[in-house]
N, C-alpha and C. Protein backbone atom coordinates (compact mmCIF):
# COMPACT_ATOMS: atom_id res chain seq x y z
N UNK A 1 151.39 57.41 59.07
CA UNK A 1 152.42 56.46 59.39
C UNK A 1 151.84 55.40 60.35
N UNK A 2 152.10 54.16 60.03
CA UNK A 2 151.63 53.04 60.85
C UNK A 2 152.83 52.48 61.60
N UNK A 3 152.67 52.39 62.93
CA UNK A 3 153.75 51.87 63.75
C UNK A 3 153.41 50.43 64.09
N UNK A 4 154.36 49.55 63.94
CA UNK A 4 154.15 48.15 64.28
C UNK A 4 155.18 47.72 65.31
N UNK A 5 154.75 46.80 66.14
CA UNK A 5 155.67 46.26 67.16
C UNK A 5 155.57 44.75 67.11
N UNK A 6 156.66 44.08 67.35
CA UNK A 6 156.60 42.61 67.34
C UNK A 6 155.74 42.10 68.50
N UNK A 7 154.99 41.06 68.22
CA UNK A 7 154.15 40.45 69.24
C UNK A 7 154.96 39.43 70.03
N UNK A 8 154.65 39.31 71.31
CA UNK A 8 155.37 38.30 72.09
C UNK A 8 155.00 36.90 71.63
N UNK A 9 155.91 35.98 71.78
CA UNK A 9 155.66 34.60 71.42
C UNK A 9 154.87 33.93 72.54
N UNK A 10 153.83 33.23 72.16
CA UNK A 10 152.99 32.53 73.14
C UNK A 10 153.03 31.05 72.83
N UNK A 11 153.29 30.25 73.84
CA UNK A 11 153.28 28.81 73.67
C UNK A 11 151.98 28.27 74.26
N UNK A 12 151.29 27.48 73.48
CA UNK A 12 150.04 26.89 73.93
C UNK A 12 150.26 25.39 74.09
N UNK A 13 149.97 24.91 75.28
CA UNK A 13 150.12 23.49 75.55
C UNK A 13 148.76 22.81 75.42
N UNK A 14 148.75 21.68 74.80
CA UNK A 14 147.52 20.91 74.67
C UNK A 14 147.23 20.21 76.00
N UNK A 15 145.99 20.35 76.47
CA UNK A 15 145.60 19.67 77.71
C UNK A 15 145.40 18.19 77.41
N UNK A 16 146.07 17.36 78.15
CA UNK A 16 145.98 15.92 77.95
C UNK A 16 145.09 15.30 79.01
N UNK A 17 144.40 14.22 78.69
CA UNK A 17 143.61 13.53 79.71
C UNK A 17 144.52 12.92 80.76
N UNK A 18 143.96 12.64 81.94
CA UNK A 18 144.81 12.04 82.97
C UNK A 18 145.42 10.73 82.50
N UNK A 19 146.66 10.57 82.81
CA UNK A 19 147.37 9.35 82.43
C UNK A 19 147.46 8.44 83.64
N UNK A 20 147.18 7.18 83.44
CA UNK A 20 147.26 6.23 84.55
C UNK A 20 148.69 6.18 85.06
N UNK A 21 148.83 6.32 86.36
CA UNK A 21 150.16 6.37 86.97
C UNK A 21 150.62 5.00 87.43
N UNK A 22 149.86 3.99 87.15
CA UNK A 22 150.23 2.66 87.60
C UNK A 22 149.35 2.19 88.73
N UNK A 23 148.74 3.10 89.46
CA UNK A 23 147.86 2.66 90.53
C UNK A 23 146.54 2.22 89.93
N UNK A 24 145.98 1.19 90.49
CA UNK A 24 144.72 0.65 89.97
C UNK A 24 143.60 1.67 90.09
N UNK A 25 143.60 2.49 91.15
CA UNK A 25 142.56 3.50 91.32
C UNK A 25 142.61 4.53 90.19
N UNK A 26 143.81 4.98 89.83
CA UNK A 26 143.96 5.94 88.73
C UNK A 26 143.55 5.32 87.41
N UNK A 27 143.93 4.06 87.20
CA UNK A 27 143.55 3.39 85.96
C UNK A 27 142.04 3.27 85.84
N UNK A 28 141.38 2.97 86.95
CA UNK A 28 139.93 2.84 86.94
C UNK A 28 139.26 4.18 86.66
N UNK A 29 139.74 5.24 87.28
CA UNK A 29 139.20 6.58 87.02
C UNK A 29 139.40 6.99 85.57
N UNK A 30 140.55 6.67 85.01
CA UNK A 30 140.82 6.98 83.61
C UNK A 30 139.88 6.18 82.70
N UNK A 31 139.66 4.92 83.02
CA UNK A 31 138.72 4.10 82.25
C UNK A 31 137.32 4.66 82.31
N UNK A 32 136.90 5.13 83.48
CA UNK A 32 135.56 5.72 83.60
C UNK A 32 135.46 6.99 82.77
N UNK A 33 136.51 7.80 82.76
CA UNK A 33 136.51 9.01 81.93
C UNK A 33 136.40 8.65 80.46
N UNK A 34 137.11 7.62 80.03
CA UNK A 34 136.99 7.18 78.62
C UNK A 34 135.56 6.74 78.31
N UNK A 35 134.93 6.03 79.25
CA UNK A 35 133.54 5.60 79.07
C UNK A 35 132.62 6.82 78.95
N UNK A 36 132.75 7.78 79.87
CA UNK A 36 131.89 8.97 79.83
C UNK A 36 132.08 9.74 78.52
N UNK A 37 133.32 9.87 78.09
CA UNK A 37 133.59 10.58 76.83
C UNK A 37 132.96 9.85 75.65
N UNK A 38 133.03 8.53 75.66
CA UNK A 38 132.42 7.74 74.57
C UNK A 38 130.91 7.92 74.55
N UNK A 39 130.30 8.01 75.72
CA UNK A 39 128.85 8.25 75.77
C UNK A 39 128.51 9.60 75.14
N UNK A 40 129.28 10.62 75.45
CA UNK A 40 129.03 11.95 74.90
C UNK A 40 129.22 11.96 73.39
N UNK A 41 130.10 11.11 72.89
CA UNK A 41 130.31 11.02 71.44
C UNK A 41 129.24 10.18 70.75
N UNK A 42 128.42 9.49 71.56
CA UNK A 42 127.39 8.64 70.98
C UNK A 42 127.89 7.26 70.60
N UNK A 43 128.98 6.83 71.17
CA UNK A 43 129.55 5.51 70.87
C UNK A 43 128.67 4.41 71.47
N UNK A 44 128.12 3.58 70.63
CA UNK A 44 127.23 2.51 71.10
C UNK A 44 127.95 1.46 71.93
N UNK A 45 129.22 1.30 71.69
CA UNK A 45 130.01 0.30 72.43
C UNK A 45 130.28 0.72 73.87
N UNK A 46 129.99 1.96 74.21
CA UNK A 46 130.27 2.46 75.56
C UNK A 46 129.49 1.70 76.62
N UNK A 47 128.36 1.13 76.28
CA UNK A 47 127.52 0.45 77.26
C UNK A 47 128.18 -0.77 77.89
N UNK A 48 129.22 -1.30 77.29
CA UNK A 48 129.88 -2.48 77.82
C UNK A 48 130.54 -2.19 79.17
N UNK A 49 131.17 -1.04 79.30
CA UNK A 49 131.91 -0.71 80.51
C UNK A 49 131.02 -0.70 81.76
N UNK A 50 129.89 0.04 81.78
CA UNK A 50 129.09 0.03 83.00
C UNK A 50 128.46 -1.33 83.31
N UNK A 51 128.20 -2.12 82.28
CA UNK A 51 127.67 -3.46 82.53
C UNK A 51 128.69 -4.31 83.28
N UNK A 52 129.92 -4.25 82.84
CA UNK A 52 130.97 -5.02 83.52
C UNK A 52 131.30 -4.43 84.88
N UNK A 53 131.28 -3.11 84.98
CA UNK A 53 131.58 -2.46 86.25
C UNK A 53 130.50 -2.80 87.29
N UNK A 54 129.26 -2.93 86.87
CA UNK A 54 128.17 -3.21 87.80
C UNK A 54 128.35 -4.56 88.51
N UNK A 55 129.12 -5.45 87.94
CA UNK A 55 129.37 -6.75 88.58
C UNK A 55 130.14 -6.57 89.89
N UNK A 56 130.79 -5.42 90.07
CA UNK A 56 131.59 -5.18 91.26
C UNK A 56 130.86 -4.31 92.29
N UNK A 57 129.56 -4.06 92.08
CA UNK A 57 128.78 -3.26 93.03
C UNK A 57 128.47 -4.11 94.26
N UNK A 58 128.63 -3.52 95.42
CA UNK A 58 128.31 -4.18 96.68
C UNK A 58 127.36 -3.28 97.46
N UNK A 59 126.33 -3.84 98.09
CA UNK A 59 125.35 -3.01 98.80
C UNK A 59 125.93 -2.31 100.03
N UNK A 60 127.04 -2.77 100.54
CA UNK A 60 127.66 -2.12 101.69
C UNK A 60 129.18 -2.26 101.59
N UNK A 61 129.86 -1.19 101.93
CA UNK A 61 131.33 -1.18 101.97
C UNK A 61 131.76 -0.72 103.36
N UNK A 62 133.01 -0.98 103.72
CA UNK A 62 133.50 -0.40 104.97
C UNK A 62 133.41 1.13 104.89
N UNK A 63 133.41 1.81 106.01
CA UNK A 63 133.37 3.28 105.95
C UNK A 63 134.48 3.84 105.06
N UNK A 64 134.16 4.93 104.37
CA UNK A 64 135.15 5.55 103.48
C UNK A 64 136.32 6.09 104.30
N UNK A 65 137.53 5.95 103.77
CA UNK A 65 138.69 6.50 104.47
C UNK A 65 138.58 8.02 104.62
N UNK A 66 139.22 8.54 105.65
CA UNK A 66 139.22 9.98 105.89
C UNK A 66 140.16 10.69 104.92
N UNK A 67 141.17 10.00 104.48
CA UNK A 67 142.18 10.57 103.57
C UNK A 67 141.56 10.93 102.22
N UNK A 68 142.25 11.76 101.49
CA UNK A 68 141.82 12.11 100.13
C UNK A 68 141.83 10.86 99.26
N UNK A 69 140.89 10.77 98.31
CA UNK A 69 140.87 9.58 97.44
C UNK A 69 142.11 9.53 96.55
N UNK A 70 142.44 8.30 96.12
CA UNK A 70 143.56 8.12 95.20
C UNK A 70 143.22 8.59 93.80
N UNK A 71 141.93 8.60 93.47
CA UNK A 71 141.45 9.06 92.17
C UNK A 71 139.96 9.39 92.30
N UNK A 72 139.46 10.21 91.38
CA UNK A 72 138.04 10.60 91.39
C UNK A 72 137.49 10.52 89.98
N UNK A 73 136.27 10.00 89.86
CA UNK A 73 135.53 10.02 88.60
C UNK A 73 134.38 11.00 88.80
N UNK A 74 134.57 12.28 88.44
CA UNK A 74 133.55 13.29 88.74
C UNK A 74 132.23 13.07 88.01
N UNK A 75 132.24 12.36 86.89
CA UNK A 75 131.01 12.16 86.12
C UNK A 75 130.26 10.90 86.54
N UNK A 76 130.84 10.11 87.40
CA UNK A 76 130.22 8.85 87.82
C UNK A 76 129.00 9.07 88.70
N UNK A 77 128.17 8.04 88.79
CA UNK A 77 127.00 8.03 89.66
C UNK A 77 126.09 9.23 89.39
N UNK A 78 125.79 9.46 88.13
CA UNK A 78 124.88 10.54 87.71
C UNK A 78 125.33 11.91 88.22
N UNK A 79 126.64 12.14 88.20
CA UNK A 79 127.18 13.43 88.60
C UNK A 79 127.54 13.54 90.07
N UNK A 80 127.24 12.53 90.86
CA UNK A 80 127.65 12.56 92.27
C UNK A 80 129.15 12.36 92.41
N UNK A 81 129.70 11.66 91.45
CA UNK A 81 131.13 11.35 91.48
C UNK A 81 131.39 10.03 92.19
N UNK A 82 132.50 9.44 91.86
CA UNK A 82 132.95 8.22 92.53
C UNK A 82 134.35 8.51 93.03
N UNK A 83 134.56 8.28 94.31
CA UNK A 83 135.87 8.47 94.92
C UNK A 83 136.53 7.10 95.05
N UNK A 84 137.67 6.94 94.40
CA UNK A 84 138.36 5.65 94.34
C UNK A 84 139.52 5.61 95.33
N UNK A 85 139.58 4.54 96.10
CA UNK A 85 140.65 4.33 97.07
C UNK A 85 141.31 2.99 96.82
N UNK A 86 142.62 2.99 96.80
CA UNK A 86 143.37 1.74 96.74
C UNK A 86 143.40 1.18 98.15
N UNK A 87 142.85 -0.01 98.35
CA UNK A 87 142.76 -0.60 99.69
C UNK A 87 143.29 -2.03 99.62
N UNK A 88 144.57 -2.17 99.81
CA UNK A 88 145.17 -3.50 99.75
C UNK A 88 145.06 -4.07 98.34
N UNK A 89 144.42 -5.22 98.23
CA UNK A 89 144.28 -5.90 96.94
C UNK A 89 143.04 -5.44 96.16
N UNK A 90 142.30 -4.47 96.70
CA UNK A 90 141.07 -3.99 96.06
C UNK A 90 141.13 -2.49 95.82
N UNK A 91 140.27 -2.06 94.89
CA UNK A 91 140.00 -0.64 94.70
C UNK A 91 138.55 -0.45 95.13
N UNK A 92 138.33 0.45 96.07
CA UNK A 92 136.98 0.71 96.57
C UNK A 92 136.49 2.02 95.99
N UNK A 93 135.26 2.00 95.45
CA UNK A 93 134.66 3.19 94.87
C UNK A 93 133.46 3.62 95.68
N UNK A 94 133.53 4.81 96.28
CA UNK A 94 132.46 5.33 97.13
C UNK A 94 131.68 6.40 96.39
N UNK A 95 130.34 6.30 96.47
CA UNK A 95 129.44 7.27 95.87
C UNK A 95 128.81 8.07 97.01
N UNK A 96 128.96 9.39 97.01
CA UNK A 96 128.38 10.19 98.09
C UNK A 96 126.88 9.96 98.22
N UNK A 97 126.43 9.75 99.45
CA UNK A 97 125.01 9.57 99.72
C UNK A 97 124.52 8.14 99.62
N UNK A 98 125.36 7.21 99.22
CA UNK A 98 124.96 5.81 99.11
C UNK A 98 125.78 4.96 100.06
N UNK A 99 125.16 3.94 100.61
CA UNK A 99 125.89 3.01 101.47
C UNK A 99 126.75 2.06 100.66
N UNK A 100 126.27 1.68 99.50
CA UNK A 100 126.99 0.74 98.66
C UNK A 100 128.08 1.42 97.86
N UNK A 101 128.80 0.60 97.13
CA UNK A 101 129.86 1.12 96.28
C UNK A 101 130.51 0.00 95.51
N UNK A 102 131.59 0.32 94.86
CA UNK A 102 132.31 -0.65 94.03
C UNK A 102 133.49 -1.22 94.79
N UNK A 103 133.65 -2.51 94.69
CA UNK A 103 134.83 -3.19 95.23
C UNK A 103 135.41 -4.02 94.10
N UNK A 104 136.46 -3.49 93.50
CA UNK A 104 137.07 -4.12 92.32
C UNK A 104 138.44 -4.67 92.72
N UNK A 105 138.65 -5.97 92.54
CA UNK A 105 140.00 -6.49 92.80
C UNK A 105 141.00 -5.78 91.89
N UNK A 106 142.09 -5.31 92.46
CA UNK A 106 143.07 -4.55 91.68
C UNK A 106 143.56 -5.34 90.46
N UNK A 107 143.66 -6.65 90.59
CA UNK A 107 144.14 -7.45 89.46
C UNK A 107 143.14 -7.48 88.30
N UNK A 108 141.86 -7.13 88.56
CA UNK A 108 140.84 -7.13 87.51
C UNK A 108 140.71 -5.77 86.81
N UNK A 109 141.31 -4.74 87.37
CA UNK A 109 141.18 -3.39 86.80
C UNK A 109 141.64 -3.32 85.34
N UNK A 110 142.79 -3.87 84.97
CA UNK A 110 143.20 -3.79 83.57
C UNK A 110 142.16 -4.39 82.60
N UNK A 111 141.57 -5.51 82.99
CA UNK A 111 140.55 -6.13 82.12
C UNK A 111 139.30 -5.27 82.03
N UNK A 112 138.89 -4.68 83.15
CA UNK A 112 137.71 -3.83 83.16
C UNK A 112 137.94 -2.56 82.32
N UNK A 113 139.07 -1.94 82.53
CA UNK A 113 139.39 -0.70 81.82
C UNK A 113 139.54 -0.94 80.31
N UNK A 114 140.01 -2.12 79.96
CA UNK A 114 140.20 -2.45 78.54
C UNK A 114 138.89 -2.37 77.76
N UNK A 115 137.75 -2.58 78.41
CA UNK A 115 136.48 -2.53 77.68
C UNK A 115 135.92 -1.12 77.57
N UNK A 116 136.60 -0.10 78.14
CA UNK A 116 136.18 1.28 77.98
C UNK A 116 136.69 1.78 76.63
N UNK A 117 135.80 2.34 75.79
CA UNK A 117 136.22 2.78 74.45
C UNK A 117 137.31 3.84 74.49
N UNK A 118 138.16 3.81 73.49
CA UNK A 118 139.22 4.82 73.34
C UNK A 118 138.86 5.65 72.13
N UNK A 119 139.04 6.95 72.27
CA UNK A 119 138.70 7.87 71.17
C UNK A 119 139.59 7.67 69.98
């Protein structure tokens, strides 16, 4: 005799990528994630994003805020990560161990993120 019992129902939720919440720092981090994902897929168009982003590199930034960043790009800067802070009209991106970083005017973030490939 074989005894059977009903199995419990399991709901599986699909993990979604971070959604931009409206803050420029979050949008920039999401754009960087899209760029990194495109690189892993072998998308040749992915090279446009870092070229445009490099225009916002500055050799020195004000000291990084003590507060937690508004967003993080863990794959940025060769795995060092980029910590993004909304600072007035700019988004500042700090790379651990470097004096320089990114200073992107918040109004330019939508245009910059638009060039990051979408899957």
